[in-house]
């Protein structure tokens, strides 16, 4: 069965909350040759994006949305439990996300994949105050600060946190990466708030982090510099 047909079938299973069919789907996908990582990136993530888009457009009932997100989280947990773990690559990530169940589900797929690819990952979920995130960065000095699947209401906090990190010089080698959520729906937003990296999907985030290992220079952050100057004026 093609990937498109599989994702269509998965969508129907999820919005109906069909738990036996979900278990059968996992078995069928493995028999079709999908690894756990491929299930996350090629089946679960596209279906998650479809569910979220229909929910935002009021094209799903609240019940169907809740059934879908709850059941997909179960499936993601089961797939993540069988991911092949690469050796540690010496880099660490502190990740957080938007406050909703859907935000956490999307971010979970990203952090599960990144952990399987060798990163030491700490994931707080959503609803964490910016000063607590800043304190965590200063205390643990991760290689990457990742905001994945942020909601529109998170933007002031994300913007303020990035500005604070840059202004006080906390962890000069820190990369700030964003993806998914509101950043996928607003072109140029990641650059505007001063992030080092943007990727729309978990797989592309892994590829970006593997390719770019240093934060952008100060000269490459004009938006942040302009805001800093306005504050000082």
N, C-alpha and C. Protein backbone atom coordinates (compact mmCIF):
# COMPACT_ATOMS: atom_id res chain seq x y z
N UNK A 1 0.84 -1.19 0.00
CA UNK A 1 0.00 0.00 0.00
C UNK A 1 0.88 1.25 0.00
N UNK A 2 0.51 2.26 -0.79
CA UNK A 2 1.32 3.47 -0.91
C UNK A 2 1.27 4.29 0.37
N UNK A 3 2.25 5.20 0.51
CA UNK A 3 2.29 6.08 1.67
C UNK A 3 1.02 6.92 1.76
N UNK A 4 0.55 7.42 0.62
CA UNK A 4 -0.65 8.25 0.63
C UNK A 4 -1.86 7.46 1.12
N UNK A 5 -1.98 6.22 0.66
CA UNK A 5 -3.11 5.39 1.10
C UNK A 5 -3.00 5.07 2.59
N UNK A 6 -1.78 4.84 3.05
CA UNK A 6 -1.58 4.55 4.47
C UNK A 6 -1.96 5.74 5.34
N UNK A 7 -1.56 6.94 4.93
CA UNK A 7 -1.89 8.11 5.74
C UNK A 7 -3.39 8.39 5.71
N UNK A 8 -4.04 8.14 4.58
CA UNK A 8 -5.49 8.31 4.52
C UNK A 8 -6.18 7.33 5.48
N UNK A 9 -5.69 6.11 5.48
CA UNK A 9 -6.28 5.12 6.37
C UNK A 9 -6.02 5.48 7.83
N UNK A 10 -4.81 5.94 8.12
CA UNK A 10 -4.47 6.33 9.48
C UNK A 10 -5.37 7.47 9.95
N UNK A 11 -5.61 8.43 9.09
CA UNK A 11 -6.48 9.56 9.44
C UNK A 11 -7.87 9.06 9.86
N UNK A 12 -8.44 8.16 9.08
CA UNK A 12 -9.77 7.64 9.40
C UNK A 12 -9.75 6.89 10.73
N UNK A 13 -8.71 6.12 10.95
CA UNK A 13 -8.60 5.39 12.22
C UNK A 13 -8.56 6.36 13.39
N UNK A 14 -7.78 7.43 13.24
CA UNK A 14 -7.59 8.38 14.34
C UNK A 14 -8.86 9.15 14.67
N UNK A 15 -9.52 9.71 13.67
CA UNK A 15 -10.69 10.55 13.98
C UNK A 15 -11.86 9.73 14.50
N UNK A 16 -11.81 8.41 14.28
CA UNK A 16 -12.84 7.53 14.84
C UNK A 16 -12.42 6.91 16.16
N UNK A 17 -11.19 7.16 16.58
CA UNK A 17 -10.72 6.61 17.85
C UNK A 17 -10.69 5.10 17.86
N UNK A 18 -10.38 4.49 16.73
CA UNK A 18 -10.45 3.03 16.59
C UNK A 18 -9.15 2.40 17.08
N UNK A 19 -9.12 2.04 18.34
CA UNK A 19 -7.88 1.54 18.94
C UNK A 19 -7.44 0.18 18.38
N UNK A 20 -8.35 -0.80 18.20
CA UNK A 20 -7.92 -2.06 17.59
C UNK A 20 -7.33 -1.84 16.19
N UNK A 21 -7.96 -0.96 15.40
CA UNK A 21 -7.44 -0.69 14.06
C UNK A 21 -6.09 -0.01 14.12
N UNK A 22 -5.87 0.82 15.14
CA UNK A 22 -4.57 1.47 15.30
C UNK A 22 -3.48 0.44 15.57
N UNK A 23 -3.77 -0.54 16.40
CA UNK A 23 -2.78 -1.60 16.65
C UNK A 23 -2.50 -2.39 15.39
N UNK A 24 -3.56 -2.69 14.65
CA UNK A 24 -3.38 -3.43 13.40
C UNK A 24 -2.58 -2.61 12.39
N UNK A 25 -2.79 -1.28 12.40
CA UNK A 25 -2.07 -0.41 11.46
C UNK A 25 -0.57 -0.45 11.74
N UNK A 26 -0.18 -0.43 13.00
CA UNK A 26 1.25 -0.50 13.33
C UNK A 26 1.86 -1.79 12.82
N UNK A 27 1.15 -2.90 13.01
CA UNK A 27 1.64 -4.19 12.54
C UNK A 27 1.76 -4.19 11.02
N UNK A 28 0.75 -3.65 10.34
CA UNK A 28 0.76 -3.62 8.89
C UNK A 28 1.90 -2.75 8.35
N UNK A 29 2.12 -1.61 9.00
CA UNK A 29 3.20 -0.71 8.55
C UNK A 29 4.56 -1.39 8.70
N UNK A 30 4.75 -2.12 9.78
CA UNK A 30 6.03 -2.83 9.96
C UNK A 30 6.19 -3.92 8.89
N UNK A 31 5.13 -4.60 8.60
CA UNK A 31 5.20 -5.64 7.56
C UNK A 31 5.49 -5.03 6.20
N UNK A 32 5.06 -3.80 6.00
CA UNK A 32 5.31 -3.10 4.73
C UNK A 32 6.73 -2.54 4.66
N UNK A 33 7.52 -2.72 5.71
CA UNK A 33 8.92 -2.31 5.69
C UNK A 33 9.22 -0.98 6.35
N UNK A 34 8.23 -0.36 7.00
CA UNK A 34 8.47 0.92 7.67
C UNK A 34 9.20 0.69 8.99
N UNK A 35 10.31 1.39 9.17
CA UNK A 35 10.96 1.39 10.47
C UNK A 35 10.20 2.32 11.40
N UNK A 36 10.54 2.29 12.67
CA UNK A 36 9.88 3.20 13.61
C UNK A 36 10.12 4.65 13.24
N UNK A 37 11.35 4.97 12.84
CA UNK A 37 11.67 6.34 12.43
C UNK A 37 10.86 6.75 11.21
N UNK A 38 10.71 5.84 10.26
CA UNK A 38 9.93 6.16 9.06
C UNK A 38 8.45 6.32 9.38
N UNK A 39 7.95 5.57 10.33
CA UNK A 39 6.57 5.76 10.74
C UNK A 39 6.37 7.16 11.31
N UNK A 40 7.32 7.61 12.13
CA UNK A 40 7.22 8.94 12.71
C UNK A 40 7.24 10.02 11.63
N UNK A 41 8.18 9.91 10.70
CA UNK A 41 8.40 11.00 9.74
C UNK A 41 7.52 10.92 8.51
N UNK A 42 7.16 9.72 8.06
CA UNK A 42 6.46 9.57 6.79
C UNK A 42 4.96 9.28 6.95
N UNK A 43 4.56 8.79 8.11
CA UNK A 43 3.15 8.47 8.32
C UNK A 43 2.51 9.33 9.41
N UNK A 44 3.11 9.33 10.60
CA UNK A 44 2.50 10.03 11.71
C UNK A 44 2.55 11.55 11.55
N UNK A 45 3.73 12.08 11.14
CA UNK A 45 3.83 13.53 11.03
C UNK A 45 2.88 14.12 9.98
N UNK A 46 2.83 13.59 8.75
CA UNK A 46 1.88 14.15 7.77
C UNK A 46 0.43 14.06 8.24
N UNK A 47 0.09 12.96 8.91
CA UNK A 47 -1.28 12.81 9.39
C UNK A 47 -1.56 13.79 10.53
N UNK A 48 -0.59 13.97 11.40
CA UNK A 48 -0.70 14.98 12.47
C UNK A 48 -0.94 16.36 11.88
N UNK A 49 -0.18 16.74 10.86
CA UNK A 49 -0.35 18.06 10.25
C UNK A 49 -1.75 18.21 9.65
N UNK A 50 -2.25 17.14 9.03
CA UNK A 50 -3.60 17.18 8.45
C UNK A 50 -4.63 17.39 9.55
N UNK A 51 -4.54 16.64 10.62
CA UNK A 51 -5.48 16.78 11.73
C UNK A 51 -5.44 18.19 12.30
N UNK A 52 -4.24 18.73 12.49
CA UNK A 52 -4.12 20.08 13.06
C UNK A 52 -4.71 21.13 12.11
N UNK A 53 -4.45 20.98 10.81
CA UNK A 53 -4.97 21.95 9.84
C UNK A 53 -6.50 21.93 9.81
N UNK A 54 -7.08 20.75 9.79
CA UNK A 54 -8.54 20.66 9.78
C UNK A 54 -9.13 21.21 11.07
N UNK A 55 -8.45 20.97 12.17
CA UNK A 55 -8.93 21.50 13.46
C UNK A 55 -8.90 23.02 13.47
N UNK A 56 -7.81 23.62 12.99
CA UNK A 56 -7.73 25.09 12.95
C UNK A 56 -8.81 25.68 12.05
N UNK A 57 -9.16 24.97 11.00
CA UNK A 57 -10.16 25.46 10.05
C UNK A 57 -11.58 25.07 10.42
N UNK A 58 -11.75 24.55 11.64
CA UNK A 58 -13.08 24.13 12.12
C UNK A 58 -13.72 23.10 11.21
N UNK A 59 -12.91 22.20 10.67
CA UNK A 59 -13.41 21.14 9.80
C UNK A 59 -13.43 19.78 10.49
N UNK A 60 -13.11 19.78 11.78
CA UNK A 60 -13.22 18.58 12.60
C UNK A 60 -14.03 18.93 13.84
N UNK A 61 -14.85 18.02 14.29
CA UNK A 61 -15.52 18.23 15.57
C UNK A 61 -14.50 18.16 16.69
N UNK A 62 -14.85 18.76 17.81
CA UNK A 62 -13.96 18.70 18.97
C UNK A 62 -13.72 17.25 19.38
N UNK A 63 -14.75 16.43 19.27
CA UNK A 63 -14.60 15.02 19.65
C UNK A 63 -13.62 14.31 18.73
N UNK A 64 -13.78 14.49 17.41
CA UNK A 64 -12.86 13.82 16.47
C UNK A 64 -11.43 14.27 16.69
N UNK A 65 -11.25 15.55 16.97
CA UNK A 65 -9.89 16.06 17.21
C UNK A 65 -9.28 15.42 18.46
N UNK A 66 -10.05 15.37 19.53
CA UNK A 66 -9.54 14.77 20.76
C UNK A 66 -9.25 13.28 20.58
N UNK A 67 -10.15 12.58 19.91
CA UNK A 67 -9.91 11.16 19.65
C UNK A 67 -8.61 10.97 18.86
N UNK A 68 -8.43 11.81 17.83
CA UNK A 68 -7.25 11.68 16.96
C UNK A 68 -5.96 11.96 17.70
N UNK A 69 -5.92 13.06 18.46
CA UNK A 69 -4.66 13.41 19.14
C UNK A 69 -4.32 12.40 20.23
N UNK A 70 -5.33 11.94 20.96
CA UNK A 70 -5.05 10.97 22.03
C UNK A 70 -4.53 9.66 21.44
N UNK A 71 -5.20 9.17 20.39
CA UNK A 71 -4.80 7.88 19.83
C UNK A 71 -3.47 7.98 19.11
N UNK A 72 -3.22 9.08 18.42
CA UNK A 72 -1.93 9.22 17.74
C UNK A 72 -0.80 9.28 18.75
N UNK A 73 -1.04 9.89 19.90
CA UNK A 73 0.01 9.92 20.91
C UNK A 73 0.36 8.52 21.38
N UNK A 74 -0.63 7.67 21.53
CA UNK A 74 -0.38 6.27 21.90
C UNK A 74 0.49 5.60 20.84
N UNK A 75 0.16 5.82 19.58
CA UNK A 75 0.91 5.21 18.50
C UNK A 75 2.34 5.74 18.43
N UNK A 76 2.49 7.04 18.64
CA UNK A 76 3.84 7.63 18.66
C UNK A 76 4.66 7.04 19.79
N UNK A 77 4.07 6.89 20.96
CA UNK A 77 4.79 6.29 22.09
C UNK A 77 5.24 4.87 21.76
N UNK A 78 4.36 4.11 21.13
CA UNK A 78 4.71 2.73 20.81
C UNK A 78 5.83 2.66 19.78
N UNK A 79 5.76 3.52 18.77
CA UNK A 79 6.83 3.54 17.76
C UNK A 79 8.14 4.03 18.37
N UNK A 80 8.07 5.05 19.22
CA UNK A 80 9.29 5.61 19.82
C UNK A 80 9.99 4.58 20.69
N UNK A 81 9.21 3.70 21.30
CA UNK A 81 9.80 2.68 22.16
C UNK A 81 10.65 1.67 21.41
N UNK A 82 10.51 1.61 20.09
CA UNK A 82 11.30 0.66 19.29
C UNK A 82 12.25 1.36 18.32
N UNK A 83 12.48 2.66 18.52
CA UNK A 83 13.45 3.37 17.68
C UNK A 83 14.85 2.83 17.92
N UNK A 84 15.61 2.70 16.84
CA UNK A 84 17.01 2.34 16.99
C UNK A 84 17.78 3.57 17.44
N UNK A 85 18.57 3.43 18.51
CA UNK A 85 19.28 4.55 19.08
C UNK A 85 20.72 4.62 18.56
N UNK A 86 21.04 5.74 17.93
CA UNK A 86 22.41 5.96 17.47
C UNK A 86 23.29 6.30 18.66
N UNK A 87 24.61 6.10 18.55
CA UNK A 87 25.51 6.52 19.62
C UNK A 87 25.38 8.01 19.88
N UNK A 88 25.60 8.44 21.11
CA UNK A 88 25.53 9.84 21.46
C UNK A 88 26.55 10.65 20.65
N UNK A 89 26.12 11.81 20.18
CA UNK A 89 26.98 12.63 19.32
C UNK A 89 27.65 13.79 20.06
N UNK A 90 27.46 13.83 21.40
CA UNK A 90 28.11 14.87 22.19
C UNK A 90 27.35 16.18 22.23
N UNK A 91 26.15 16.24 21.64
CA UNK A 91 25.37 17.47 21.63
C UNK A 91 24.07 17.26 22.41
N UNK A 92 23.62 18.33 23.06
CA UNK A 92 22.42 18.25 23.88
C UNK A 92 21.40 19.27 23.42
N UNK A 93 20.13 18.97 23.68
CA UNK A 93 19.01 19.82 23.28
C UNK A 93 18.08 20.00 24.46
N UNK A 94 17.70 21.26 24.72
CA UNK A 94 16.58 21.53 25.62
C UNK A 94 15.43 22.00 24.75
N UNK A 95 14.30 21.32 24.83
CA UNK A 95 13.16 21.61 23.94
C UNK A 95 11.92 21.94 24.74
N UNK A 96 11.12 22.85 24.16
CA UNK A 96 9.80 23.14 24.72
C UNK A 96 8.86 23.44 23.57
N UNK A 97 7.57 23.62 23.89
CA UNK A 97 6.57 23.75 22.82
C UNK A 97 5.40 24.58 23.31
N UNK A 98 4.36 24.64 22.48
CA UNK A 98 3.13 25.33 22.85
C UNK A 98 2.37 24.57 23.93
N UNK A 99 1.30 25.18 24.45
CA UNK A 99 0.63 24.62 25.64
C UNK A 99 -0.39 23.53 25.37
N UNK A 100 -0.84 23.35 24.12
CA UNK A 100 -1.94 22.42 23.88
C UNK A 100 -1.45 20.98 23.73
N UNK A 101 -2.39 20.05 23.82
CA UNK A 101 -2.05 18.64 23.60
C UNK A 101 -1.49 18.43 22.20
N UNK A 102 -2.07 19.12 21.20
CA UNK A 102 -1.58 19.00 19.83
C UNK A 102 -0.16 19.50 19.69
N UNK A 103 0.16 20.62 20.35
CA UNK A 103 1.53 21.15 20.32
C UNK A 103 2.51 20.12 20.90
N UNK A 104 2.16 19.56 22.03
CA UNK A 104 3.06 18.59 22.68
C UNK A 104 3.21 17.33 21.84
N UNK A 105 2.15 16.92 21.17
CA UNK A 105 2.24 15.73 20.32
C UNK A 105 3.22 15.95 19.18
N UNK A 106 3.12 17.10 18.50
CA UNK A 106 4.04 17.39 17.41
C UNK A 106 5.48 17.50 17.89
N UNK A 107 5.67 18.19 19.02
CA UNK A 107 7.02 18.34 19.56
C UNK A 107 7.59 17.00 20.00
N UNK A 108 6.73 16.14 20.53
CA UNK A 108 7.21 14.83 20.97
C UNK A 108 7.80 14.04 19.81
N UNK A 109 7.18 14.11 18.64
CA UNK A 109 7.73 13.41 17.49
C UNK A 109 9.12 13.93 17.14
N UNK A 110 9.29 15.25 17.25
CA UNK A 110 10.59 15.85 16.94
C UNK A 110 11.65 15.41 17.94
N UNK A 111 11.33 15.46 19.23
CA UNK A 111 12.36 15.13 20.22
C UNK A 111 12.66 13.63 20.24
N UNK A 112 11.63 12.80 19.98
CA UNK A 112 11.89 11.36 19.90
C UNK A 112 12.86 11.05 18.77
N UNK A 113 12.64 11.68 17.62
CA UNK A 113 13.52 11.44 16.47
C UNK A 113 14.93 11.95 16.76
N UNK A 114 15.05 13.14 17.31
CA UNK A 114 16.37 13.72 17.58
C UNK A 114 17.13 12.89 18.60
N UNK A 115 16.43 12.41 19.62
CA UNK A 115 17.10 11.56 20.61
C UNK A 115 17.62 10.28 19.97
N UNK A 116 16.82 9.71 19.07
CA UNK A 116 17.25 8.47 18.41
C UNK A 116 18.45 8.69 17.50
N UNK A 117 18.67 9.94 17.08
CA UNK A 117 19.78 10.26 16.18
C UNK A 117 21.04 10.71 16.93
N UNK A 118 21.05 10.54 18.26
CA UNK A 118 22.29 10.76 19.00
C UNK A 118 22.32 11.95 19.93
N UNK A 119 21.26 12.76 19.95
CA UNK A 119 21.24 13.92 20.83
C UNK A 119 20.76 13.53 22.23
N UNK A 120 21.32 14.18 23.24
CA UNK A 120 20.80 14.06 24.60
C UNK A 120 19.71 15.13 24.73
N UNK A 121 18.46 14.70 24.89
CA UNK A 121 17.33 15.61 24.82
C UNK A 121 16.62 15.72 26.16
N UNK A 122 16.34 16.95 26.56
CA UNK A 122 15.46 17.25 27.68
C UNK A 122 14.26 18.01 27.13
N UNK A 123 13.05 17.55 27.44
CA UNK A 123 11.83 18.11 26.86
C UNK A 123 10.87 18.48 27.97
N UNK A 124 10.52 19.77 28.05
CA UNK A 124 9.66 20.24 29.13
C UNK A 124 8.18 20.21 28.79
N UNK A 125 7.83 20.09 27.50
CA UNK A 125 6.45 20.29 27.12
C UNK A 125 6.13 21.77 27.06
N UNK A 126 4.85 22.12 27.25
CA UNK A 126 4.44 23.52 27.15
C UNK A 126 4.10 24.13 28.48
N UNK A 127 3.78 25.43 28.45
CA UNK A 127 3.35 26.12 29.65
C UNK A 127 4.45 26.47 30.63
N UNK A 128 5.69 26.58 30.16
CA UNK A 128 6.82 26.90 31.04
C UNK A 128 7.16 28.38 30.90
N UNK A 129 7.35 29.05 32.01
CA UNK A 129 7.67 30.47 32.00
C UNK A 129 9.03 30.71 31.37
N UNK A 130 9.15 31.86 30.68
CA UNK A 130 10.40 32.19 30.00
C UNK A 130 11.58 32.28 30.93
N UNK A 131 11.38 32.80 32.15
CA UNK A 131 12.52 32.93 33.06
C UNK A 131 13.02 31.56 33.53
N UNK A 132 12.11 30.58 33.59
CA UNK A 132 12.55 29.23 33.95
C UNK A 132 13.35 28.59 32.81
N UNK A 133 12.92 28.85 31.58
CA UNK A 133 13.68 28.33 30.43
C UNK A 133 15.05 28.97 30.38
N UNK A 134 15.11 30.28 30.59
CA UNK A 134 16.39 30.98 30.60
C UNK A 134 17.31 30.43 31.69
N UNK A 135 16.76 30.18 32.87
CA UNK A 135 17.56 29.63 33.97
C UNK A 135 18.09 28.24 33.61
N UNK A 136 17.22 27.44 32.96
CA UNK A 136 17.65 26.10 32.54
C UNK A 136 18.81 26.19 31.54
N UNK A 137 18.71 27.12 30.60
CA UNK A 137 19.78 27.30 29.61
C UNK A 137 21.08 27.69 30.29
N UNK A 138 21.00 28.62 31.23
CA UNK A 138 22.21 29.08 31.92
C UNK A 138 22.82 27.98 32.79
N UNK A 139 21.97 27.16 33.40
CA UNK A 139 22.46 26.12 34.30
C UNK A 139 23.03 24.92 33.55
N UNK A 140 22.37 24.50 32.47
CA UNK A 140 22.76 23.25 31.81
C UNK A 140 23.56 23.45 30.53
N UNK A 141 23.52 24.67 29.97
CA UNK A 141 24.28 25.01 28.76
C UNK A 141 24.12 23.97 27.64
N UNK A 142 22.89 23.81 27.15
CA UNK A 142 22.69 22.87 26.04
C UNK A 142 23.33 23.38 24.76
N UNK A 143 23.52 22.48 23.83
CA UNK A 143 24.03 22.88 22.51
C UNK A 143 22.94 23.61 21.72
N UNK A 144 21.68 23.18 21.91
CA UNK A 144 20.57 23.70 21.12
C UNK A 144 19.39 23.98 22.04
N UNK A 145 18.77 25.14 21.85
CA UNK A 145 17.49 25.45 22.48
C UNK A 145 16.45 25.36 21.38
N UNK A 146 15.50 24.44 21.53
CA UNK A 146 14.55 24.13 20.46
C UNK A 146 13.13 24.45 20.87
N UNK A 147 12.49 25.37 20.14
CA UNK A 147 11.06 25.63 20.31
C UNK A 147 10.35 24.99 19.13
N UNK A 148 9.73 23.84 19.36
CA UNK A 148 9.09 23.11 18.27
C UNK A 148 7.60 23.03 18.53
N UNK A 149 6.81 23.40 17.52
CA UNK A 149 5.35 23.42 17.63
C UNK A 149 4.87 24.48 18.63
N UNK A 150 5.41 25.68 18.51
CA UNK A 150 4.92 26.79 19.31
C UNK A 150 3.57 27.27 18.78
N UNK A 151 2.76 27.81 19.68
CA UNK A 151 1.46 28.38 19.31
C UNK A 151 1.61 29.89 19.10
N UNK A 152 0.67 30.53 18.39
CA UNK A 152 0.76 31.98 18.20
C UNK A 152 0.91 32.76 19.50
N UNK A 153 0.22 32.30 20.55
CA UNK A 153 0.31 32.99 21.83
C UNK A 153 1.66 32.87 22.50
N UNK A 154 2.49 31.96 22.03
CA UNK A 154 3.83 31.80 22.60
C UNK A 154 4.84 32.80 22.06
N UNK A 155 4.49 33.48 20.95
CA UNK A 155 5.50 34.28 20.25
C UNK A 155 6.12 35.39 21.10
N UNK A 156 5.36 36.14 21.90
CA UNK A 156 6.02 37.14 22.74
C UNK A 156 7.06 36.53 23.67
N UNK A 157 6.74 35.36 24.24
CA UNK A 157 7.68 34.70 25.13
C UNK A 157 8.92 34.23 24.37
N UNK A 158 8.71 33.61 23.20
CA UNK A 158 9.85 33.12 22.42
C UNK A 158 10.73 34.29 21.99
N UNK A 159 10.11 35.35 21.51
CA UNK A 159 10.85 36.53 21.07
C UNK A 159 11.63 37.14 22.24
N UNK A 160 10.96 37.29 23.38
CA UNK A 160 11.62 37.88 24.55
C UNK A 160 12.75 37.01 25.06
N UNK A 161 12.55 35.69 25.01
CA UNK A 161 13.59 34.78 25.48
C UNK A 161 14.82 34.86 24.59
N UNK A 162 14.63 34.88 23.29
CA UNK A 162 15.77 34.98 22.37
C UNK A 162 16.51 36.29 22.60
N UNK A 163 15.77 37.39 22.75
CA UNK A 163 16.41 38.68 22.98
C UNK A 163 17.21 38.66 24.28
N UNK A 164 16.64 38.07 25.34
CA UNK A 164 17.34 38.03 26.63
C UNK A 164 18.62 37.23 26.53
N UNK A 165 18.55 36.08 25.86
CA UNK A 165 19.74 35.24 25.71
C UNK A 165 20.84 35.99 24.97
N UNK A 166 20.44 36.71 23.89
CA UNK A 166 21.44 37.45 23.12
C UNK A 166 22.00 38.63 23.91
N UNK A 167 21.13 39.35 24.63
CA UNK A 167 21.55 40.56 25.32
C UNK A 167 22.51 40.27 26.47
N UNK A 168 22.25 39.20 27.23
CA UNK A 168 23.11 38.92 28.38
C UNK A 168 24.27 38.00 28.03
N UNK A 169 24.29 37.54 26.78
CA UNK A 169 25.39 36.69 26.34
C UNK A 169 25.38 35.31 26.97
N UNK A 170 24.19 34.82 27.32
CA UNK A 170 24.09 33.49 27.91
C UNK A 170 24.43 32.43 26.86
N UNK A 171 25.39 31.60 27.16
CA UNK A 171 25.77 30.49 26.28
C UNK A 171 26.05 30.97 24.86
N UNK A 172 27.17 31.64 24.62
CA UNK A 172 27.46 32.17 23.28
C UNK A 172 27.42 31.12 22.18
N UNK A 173 27.70 29.85 22.51
CA UNK A 173 27.70 28.81 21.48
C UNK A 173 26.33 28.19 21.26
N UNK A 174 25.33 28.66 21.98
CA UNK A 174 23.99 28.09 21.90
C UNK A 174 23.35 28.35 20.53
N UNK A 175 22.80 27.31 19.92
CA UNK A 175 21.98 27.46 18.73
C UNK A 175 20.52 27.52 19.16
N UNK A 176 19.77 28.44 18.57
CA UNK A 176 18.34 28.54 18.85
C UNK A 176 17.60 28.11 17.59
N UNK A 177 16.83 27.04 17.72
CA UNK A 177 16.14 26.45 16.57
C UNK A 177 14.64 26.46 16.81
N UNK A 178 13.88 26.69 15.76
CA UNK A 178 12.42 26.68 15.85
C UNK A 178 11.85 25.89 14.68
N UNK A 179 10.66 25.36 14.86
CA UNK A 179 10.03 24.62 13.78
C UNK A 179 8.63 24.19 14.14
N UNK A 180 7.90 23.76 13.13
CA UNK A 180 6.54 23.31 13.34
C UNK A 180 5.63 24.45 13.80
N UNK A 181 4.40 24.12 14.10
CA UNK A 181 3.48 25.07 14.69
C UNK A 181 3.35 26.37 13.91
N UNK A 182 3.32 27.48 14.64
CA UNK A 182 3.11 28.79 14.05
C UNK A 182 4.23 29.17 13.08
N UNK A 183 5.43 28.64 13.29
CA UNK A 183 6.55 28.99 12.41
C UNK A 183 6.36 28.42 11.01
N UNK A 184 5.60 27.33 10.89
CA UNK A 184 5.32 26.76 9.58
C UNK A 184 4.29 27.57 8.82
N UNK A 185 3.51 28.36 9.55
CA UNK A 185 2.39 29.07 8.92
C UNK A 185 2.69 30.53 8.64
N UNK A 186 3.84 31.01 9.06
CA UNK A 186 4.19 32.42 8.87
C UNK A 186 5.59 32.51 8.27
N UNK A 187 5.66 32.69 6.97
CA UNK A 187 6.95 32.73 6.28
C UNK A 187 7.82 33.87 6.81
N UNK A 188 9.06 33.56 7.11
CA UNK A 188 10.01 34.57 7.56
C UNK A 188 9.97 34.85 9.04
N UNK A 189 9.02 34.24 9.77
CA UNK A 189 8.88 34.53 11.19
C UNK A 189 10.11 34.11 11.99
N UNK A 190 10.67 32.95 11.66
CA UNK A 190 11.84 32.47 12.39
C UNK A 190 13.00 33.45 12.28
N UNK A 191 13.25 33.97 11.08
CA UNK A 191 14.31 34.96 10.90
C UNK A 191 13.99 36.25 11.64
N UNK A 192 12.73 36.65 11.59
CA UNK A 192 12.34 37.92 12.19
C UNK A 192 12.58 37.94 13.69
N UNK A 193 12.38 36.80 14.36
CA UNK A 193 12.58 36.79 15.81
C UNK A 193 14.01 36.45 16.20
N UNK A 194 14.87 36.16 15.21
CA UNK A 194 16.29 35.97 15.49
C UNK A 194 16.73 34.54 15.74
N UNK A 195 15.92 33.55 15.31
CA UNK A 195 16.35 32.16 15.48
C UNK A 195 17.51 31.84 14.54
N UNK A 196 18.35 30.91 14.95
CA UNK A 196 19.47 30.47 14.11
C UNK A 196 19.02 29.53 13.02
N UNK A 197 18.06 28.65 13.35
CA UNK A 197 17.63 27.61 12.42
C UNK A 197 16.11 27.49 12.42
N UNK A 198 15.57 27.18 11.26
CA UNK A 198 14.16 26.85 11.13
C UNK A 198 14.03 25.61 10.26
N UNK A 199 13.14 24.69 10.66
CA UNK A 199 12.81 23.53 9.83
C UNK A 199 11.36 23.17 10.09
N UNK A 200 10.60 22.86 9.06
CA UNK A 200 9.16 22.63 9.23
C UNK A 200 8.79 21.26 9.78
N UNK A 201 9.66 20.27 9.64
CA UNK A 201 9.34 18.90 10.07
C UNK A 201 10.43 18.36 10.97
N UNK A 202 10.15 17.31 11.75
CA UNK A 202 11.18 16.71 12.58
C UNK A 202 12.38 16.22 11.78
N UNK A 203 12.15 15.57 10.65
CA UNK A 203 13.26 15.06 9.84
C UNK A 203 14.14 16.21 9.34
N UNK A 204 13.51 17.27 8.84
CA UNK A 204 14.28 18.41 8.34
C UNK A 204 15.01 19.13 9.46
N UNK A 205 14.44 19.13 10.67
CA UNK A 205 15.14 19.72 11.81
C UNK A 205 16.41 18.93 12.10
N UNK A 206 16.32 17.61 12.08
CA UNK A 206 17.52 16.80 12.29
C UNK A 206 18.56 17.10 11.22
N UNK A 207 18.14 17.18 9.98
CA UNK A 207 19.09 17.44 8.90
C UNK A 207 19.74 18.82 9.03
N UNK A 208 18.96 19.82 9.44
CA UNK A 208 19.51 21.16 9.62
C UNK A 208 20.52 21.19 10.76
N UNK A 209 20.18 20.56 11.87
CA UNK A 209 21.09 20.55 13.00
C UNK A 209 22.37 19.79 12.69
N UNK A 210 22.27 18.75 11.87
CA UNK A 210 23.46 18.00 11.49
C UNK A 210 24.35 18.82 10.57
N UNK A 211 23.74 19.68 9.76
CA UNK A 211 24.48 20.45 8.78
C UNK A 211 25.08 21.73 9.38
N UNK A 212 24.32 22.40 10.25
CA UNK A 212 24.74 23.68 10.83
C UNK A 212 24.92 23.49 12.32
N UNK A 213 26.13 23.63 12.79
CA UNK A 213 26.43 23.36 14.19
C UNK A 213 26.82 24.59 15.00
N UNK A 214 26.80 25.75 14.39
CA UNK A 214 27.18 26.98 15.10
C UNK A 214 26.05 27.99 15.01
N UNK A 215 25.88 28.84 16.04
CA UNK A 215 24.87 29.90 15.94
C UNK A 215 25.29 30.93 14.92
N UNK A 216 24.30 31.66 14.41
CA UNK A 216 24.61 32.73 13.46
C UNK A 216 25.41 33.82 14.16
N UNK A 217 26.20 34.53 13.38
CA UNK A 217 26.94 35.66 13.94
C UNK A 217 25.97 36.77 14.28
N UNK A 218 26.41 37.71 15.12
CA UNK A 218 25.56 38.84 15.49
C UNK A 218 25.14 39.63 14.27
N UNK A 219 26.02 39.71 13.27
CA UNK A 219 25.68 40.46 12.06
C UNK A 219 24.54 39.85 11.29
N UNK A 220 24.28 38.57 11.53
CA UNK A 220 23.22 37.88 10.80
C UNK A 220 21.89 37.95 11.53
N UNK A 221 21.81 38.76 12.60
CA UNK A 221 20.59 38.86 13.37
C UNK A 221 20.07 40.30 13.38
N UNK A 222 19.78 40.87 12.24
CA UNK A 222 19.37 42.27 12.21
C UNK A 222 18.10 42.56 12.98
N UNK A 223 17.14 41.63 12.95
CA UNK A 223 15.88 41.89 13.64
C UNK A 223 16.09 42.04 15.13
N UNK A 224 16.91 41.17 15.72
CA UNK A 224 17.18 41.24 17.15
C UNK A 224 17.93 42.52 17.47
N UNK A 225 18.90 42.87 16.63
CA UNK A 225 19.68 44.07 16.89
C UNK A 225 18.79 45.30 16.85
N UNK A 226 17.84 45.36 15.92
CA UNK A 226 16.97 46.52 15.83
C UNK A 226 16.12 46.66 17.08
N UNK A 227 15.60 45.54 17.59
CA UNK A 227 14.78 45.62 18.79
C UNK A 227 15.61 46.04 19.99
N UNK A 228 16.85 45.52 20.08
CA UNK A 228 17.73 45.89 21.18
C UNK A 228 18.01 47.38 21.16
N UNK A 229 18.25 47.94 19.99
CA UNK A 229 18.54 49.36 19.89
C UNK A 229 17.32 50.19 20.27
N UNK A 230 16.12 49.72 19.89
CA UNK A 230 14.93 50.46 20.24
C UNK A 230 14.72 50.48 21.76
N UNK A 231 15.02 49.36 22.42
CA UNK A 231 14.88 49.32 23.87
C UNK A 231 15.85 50.29 24.55
N UNK A 232 17.06 50.42 23.98
CA UNK A 232 18.07 51.26 24.60
C UNK A 232 17.80 52.75 24.35
N UNK A 233 17.04 53.05 23.31
CA UNK A 233 16.79 54.46 22.92
C UNK A 233 15.93 55.19 23.97
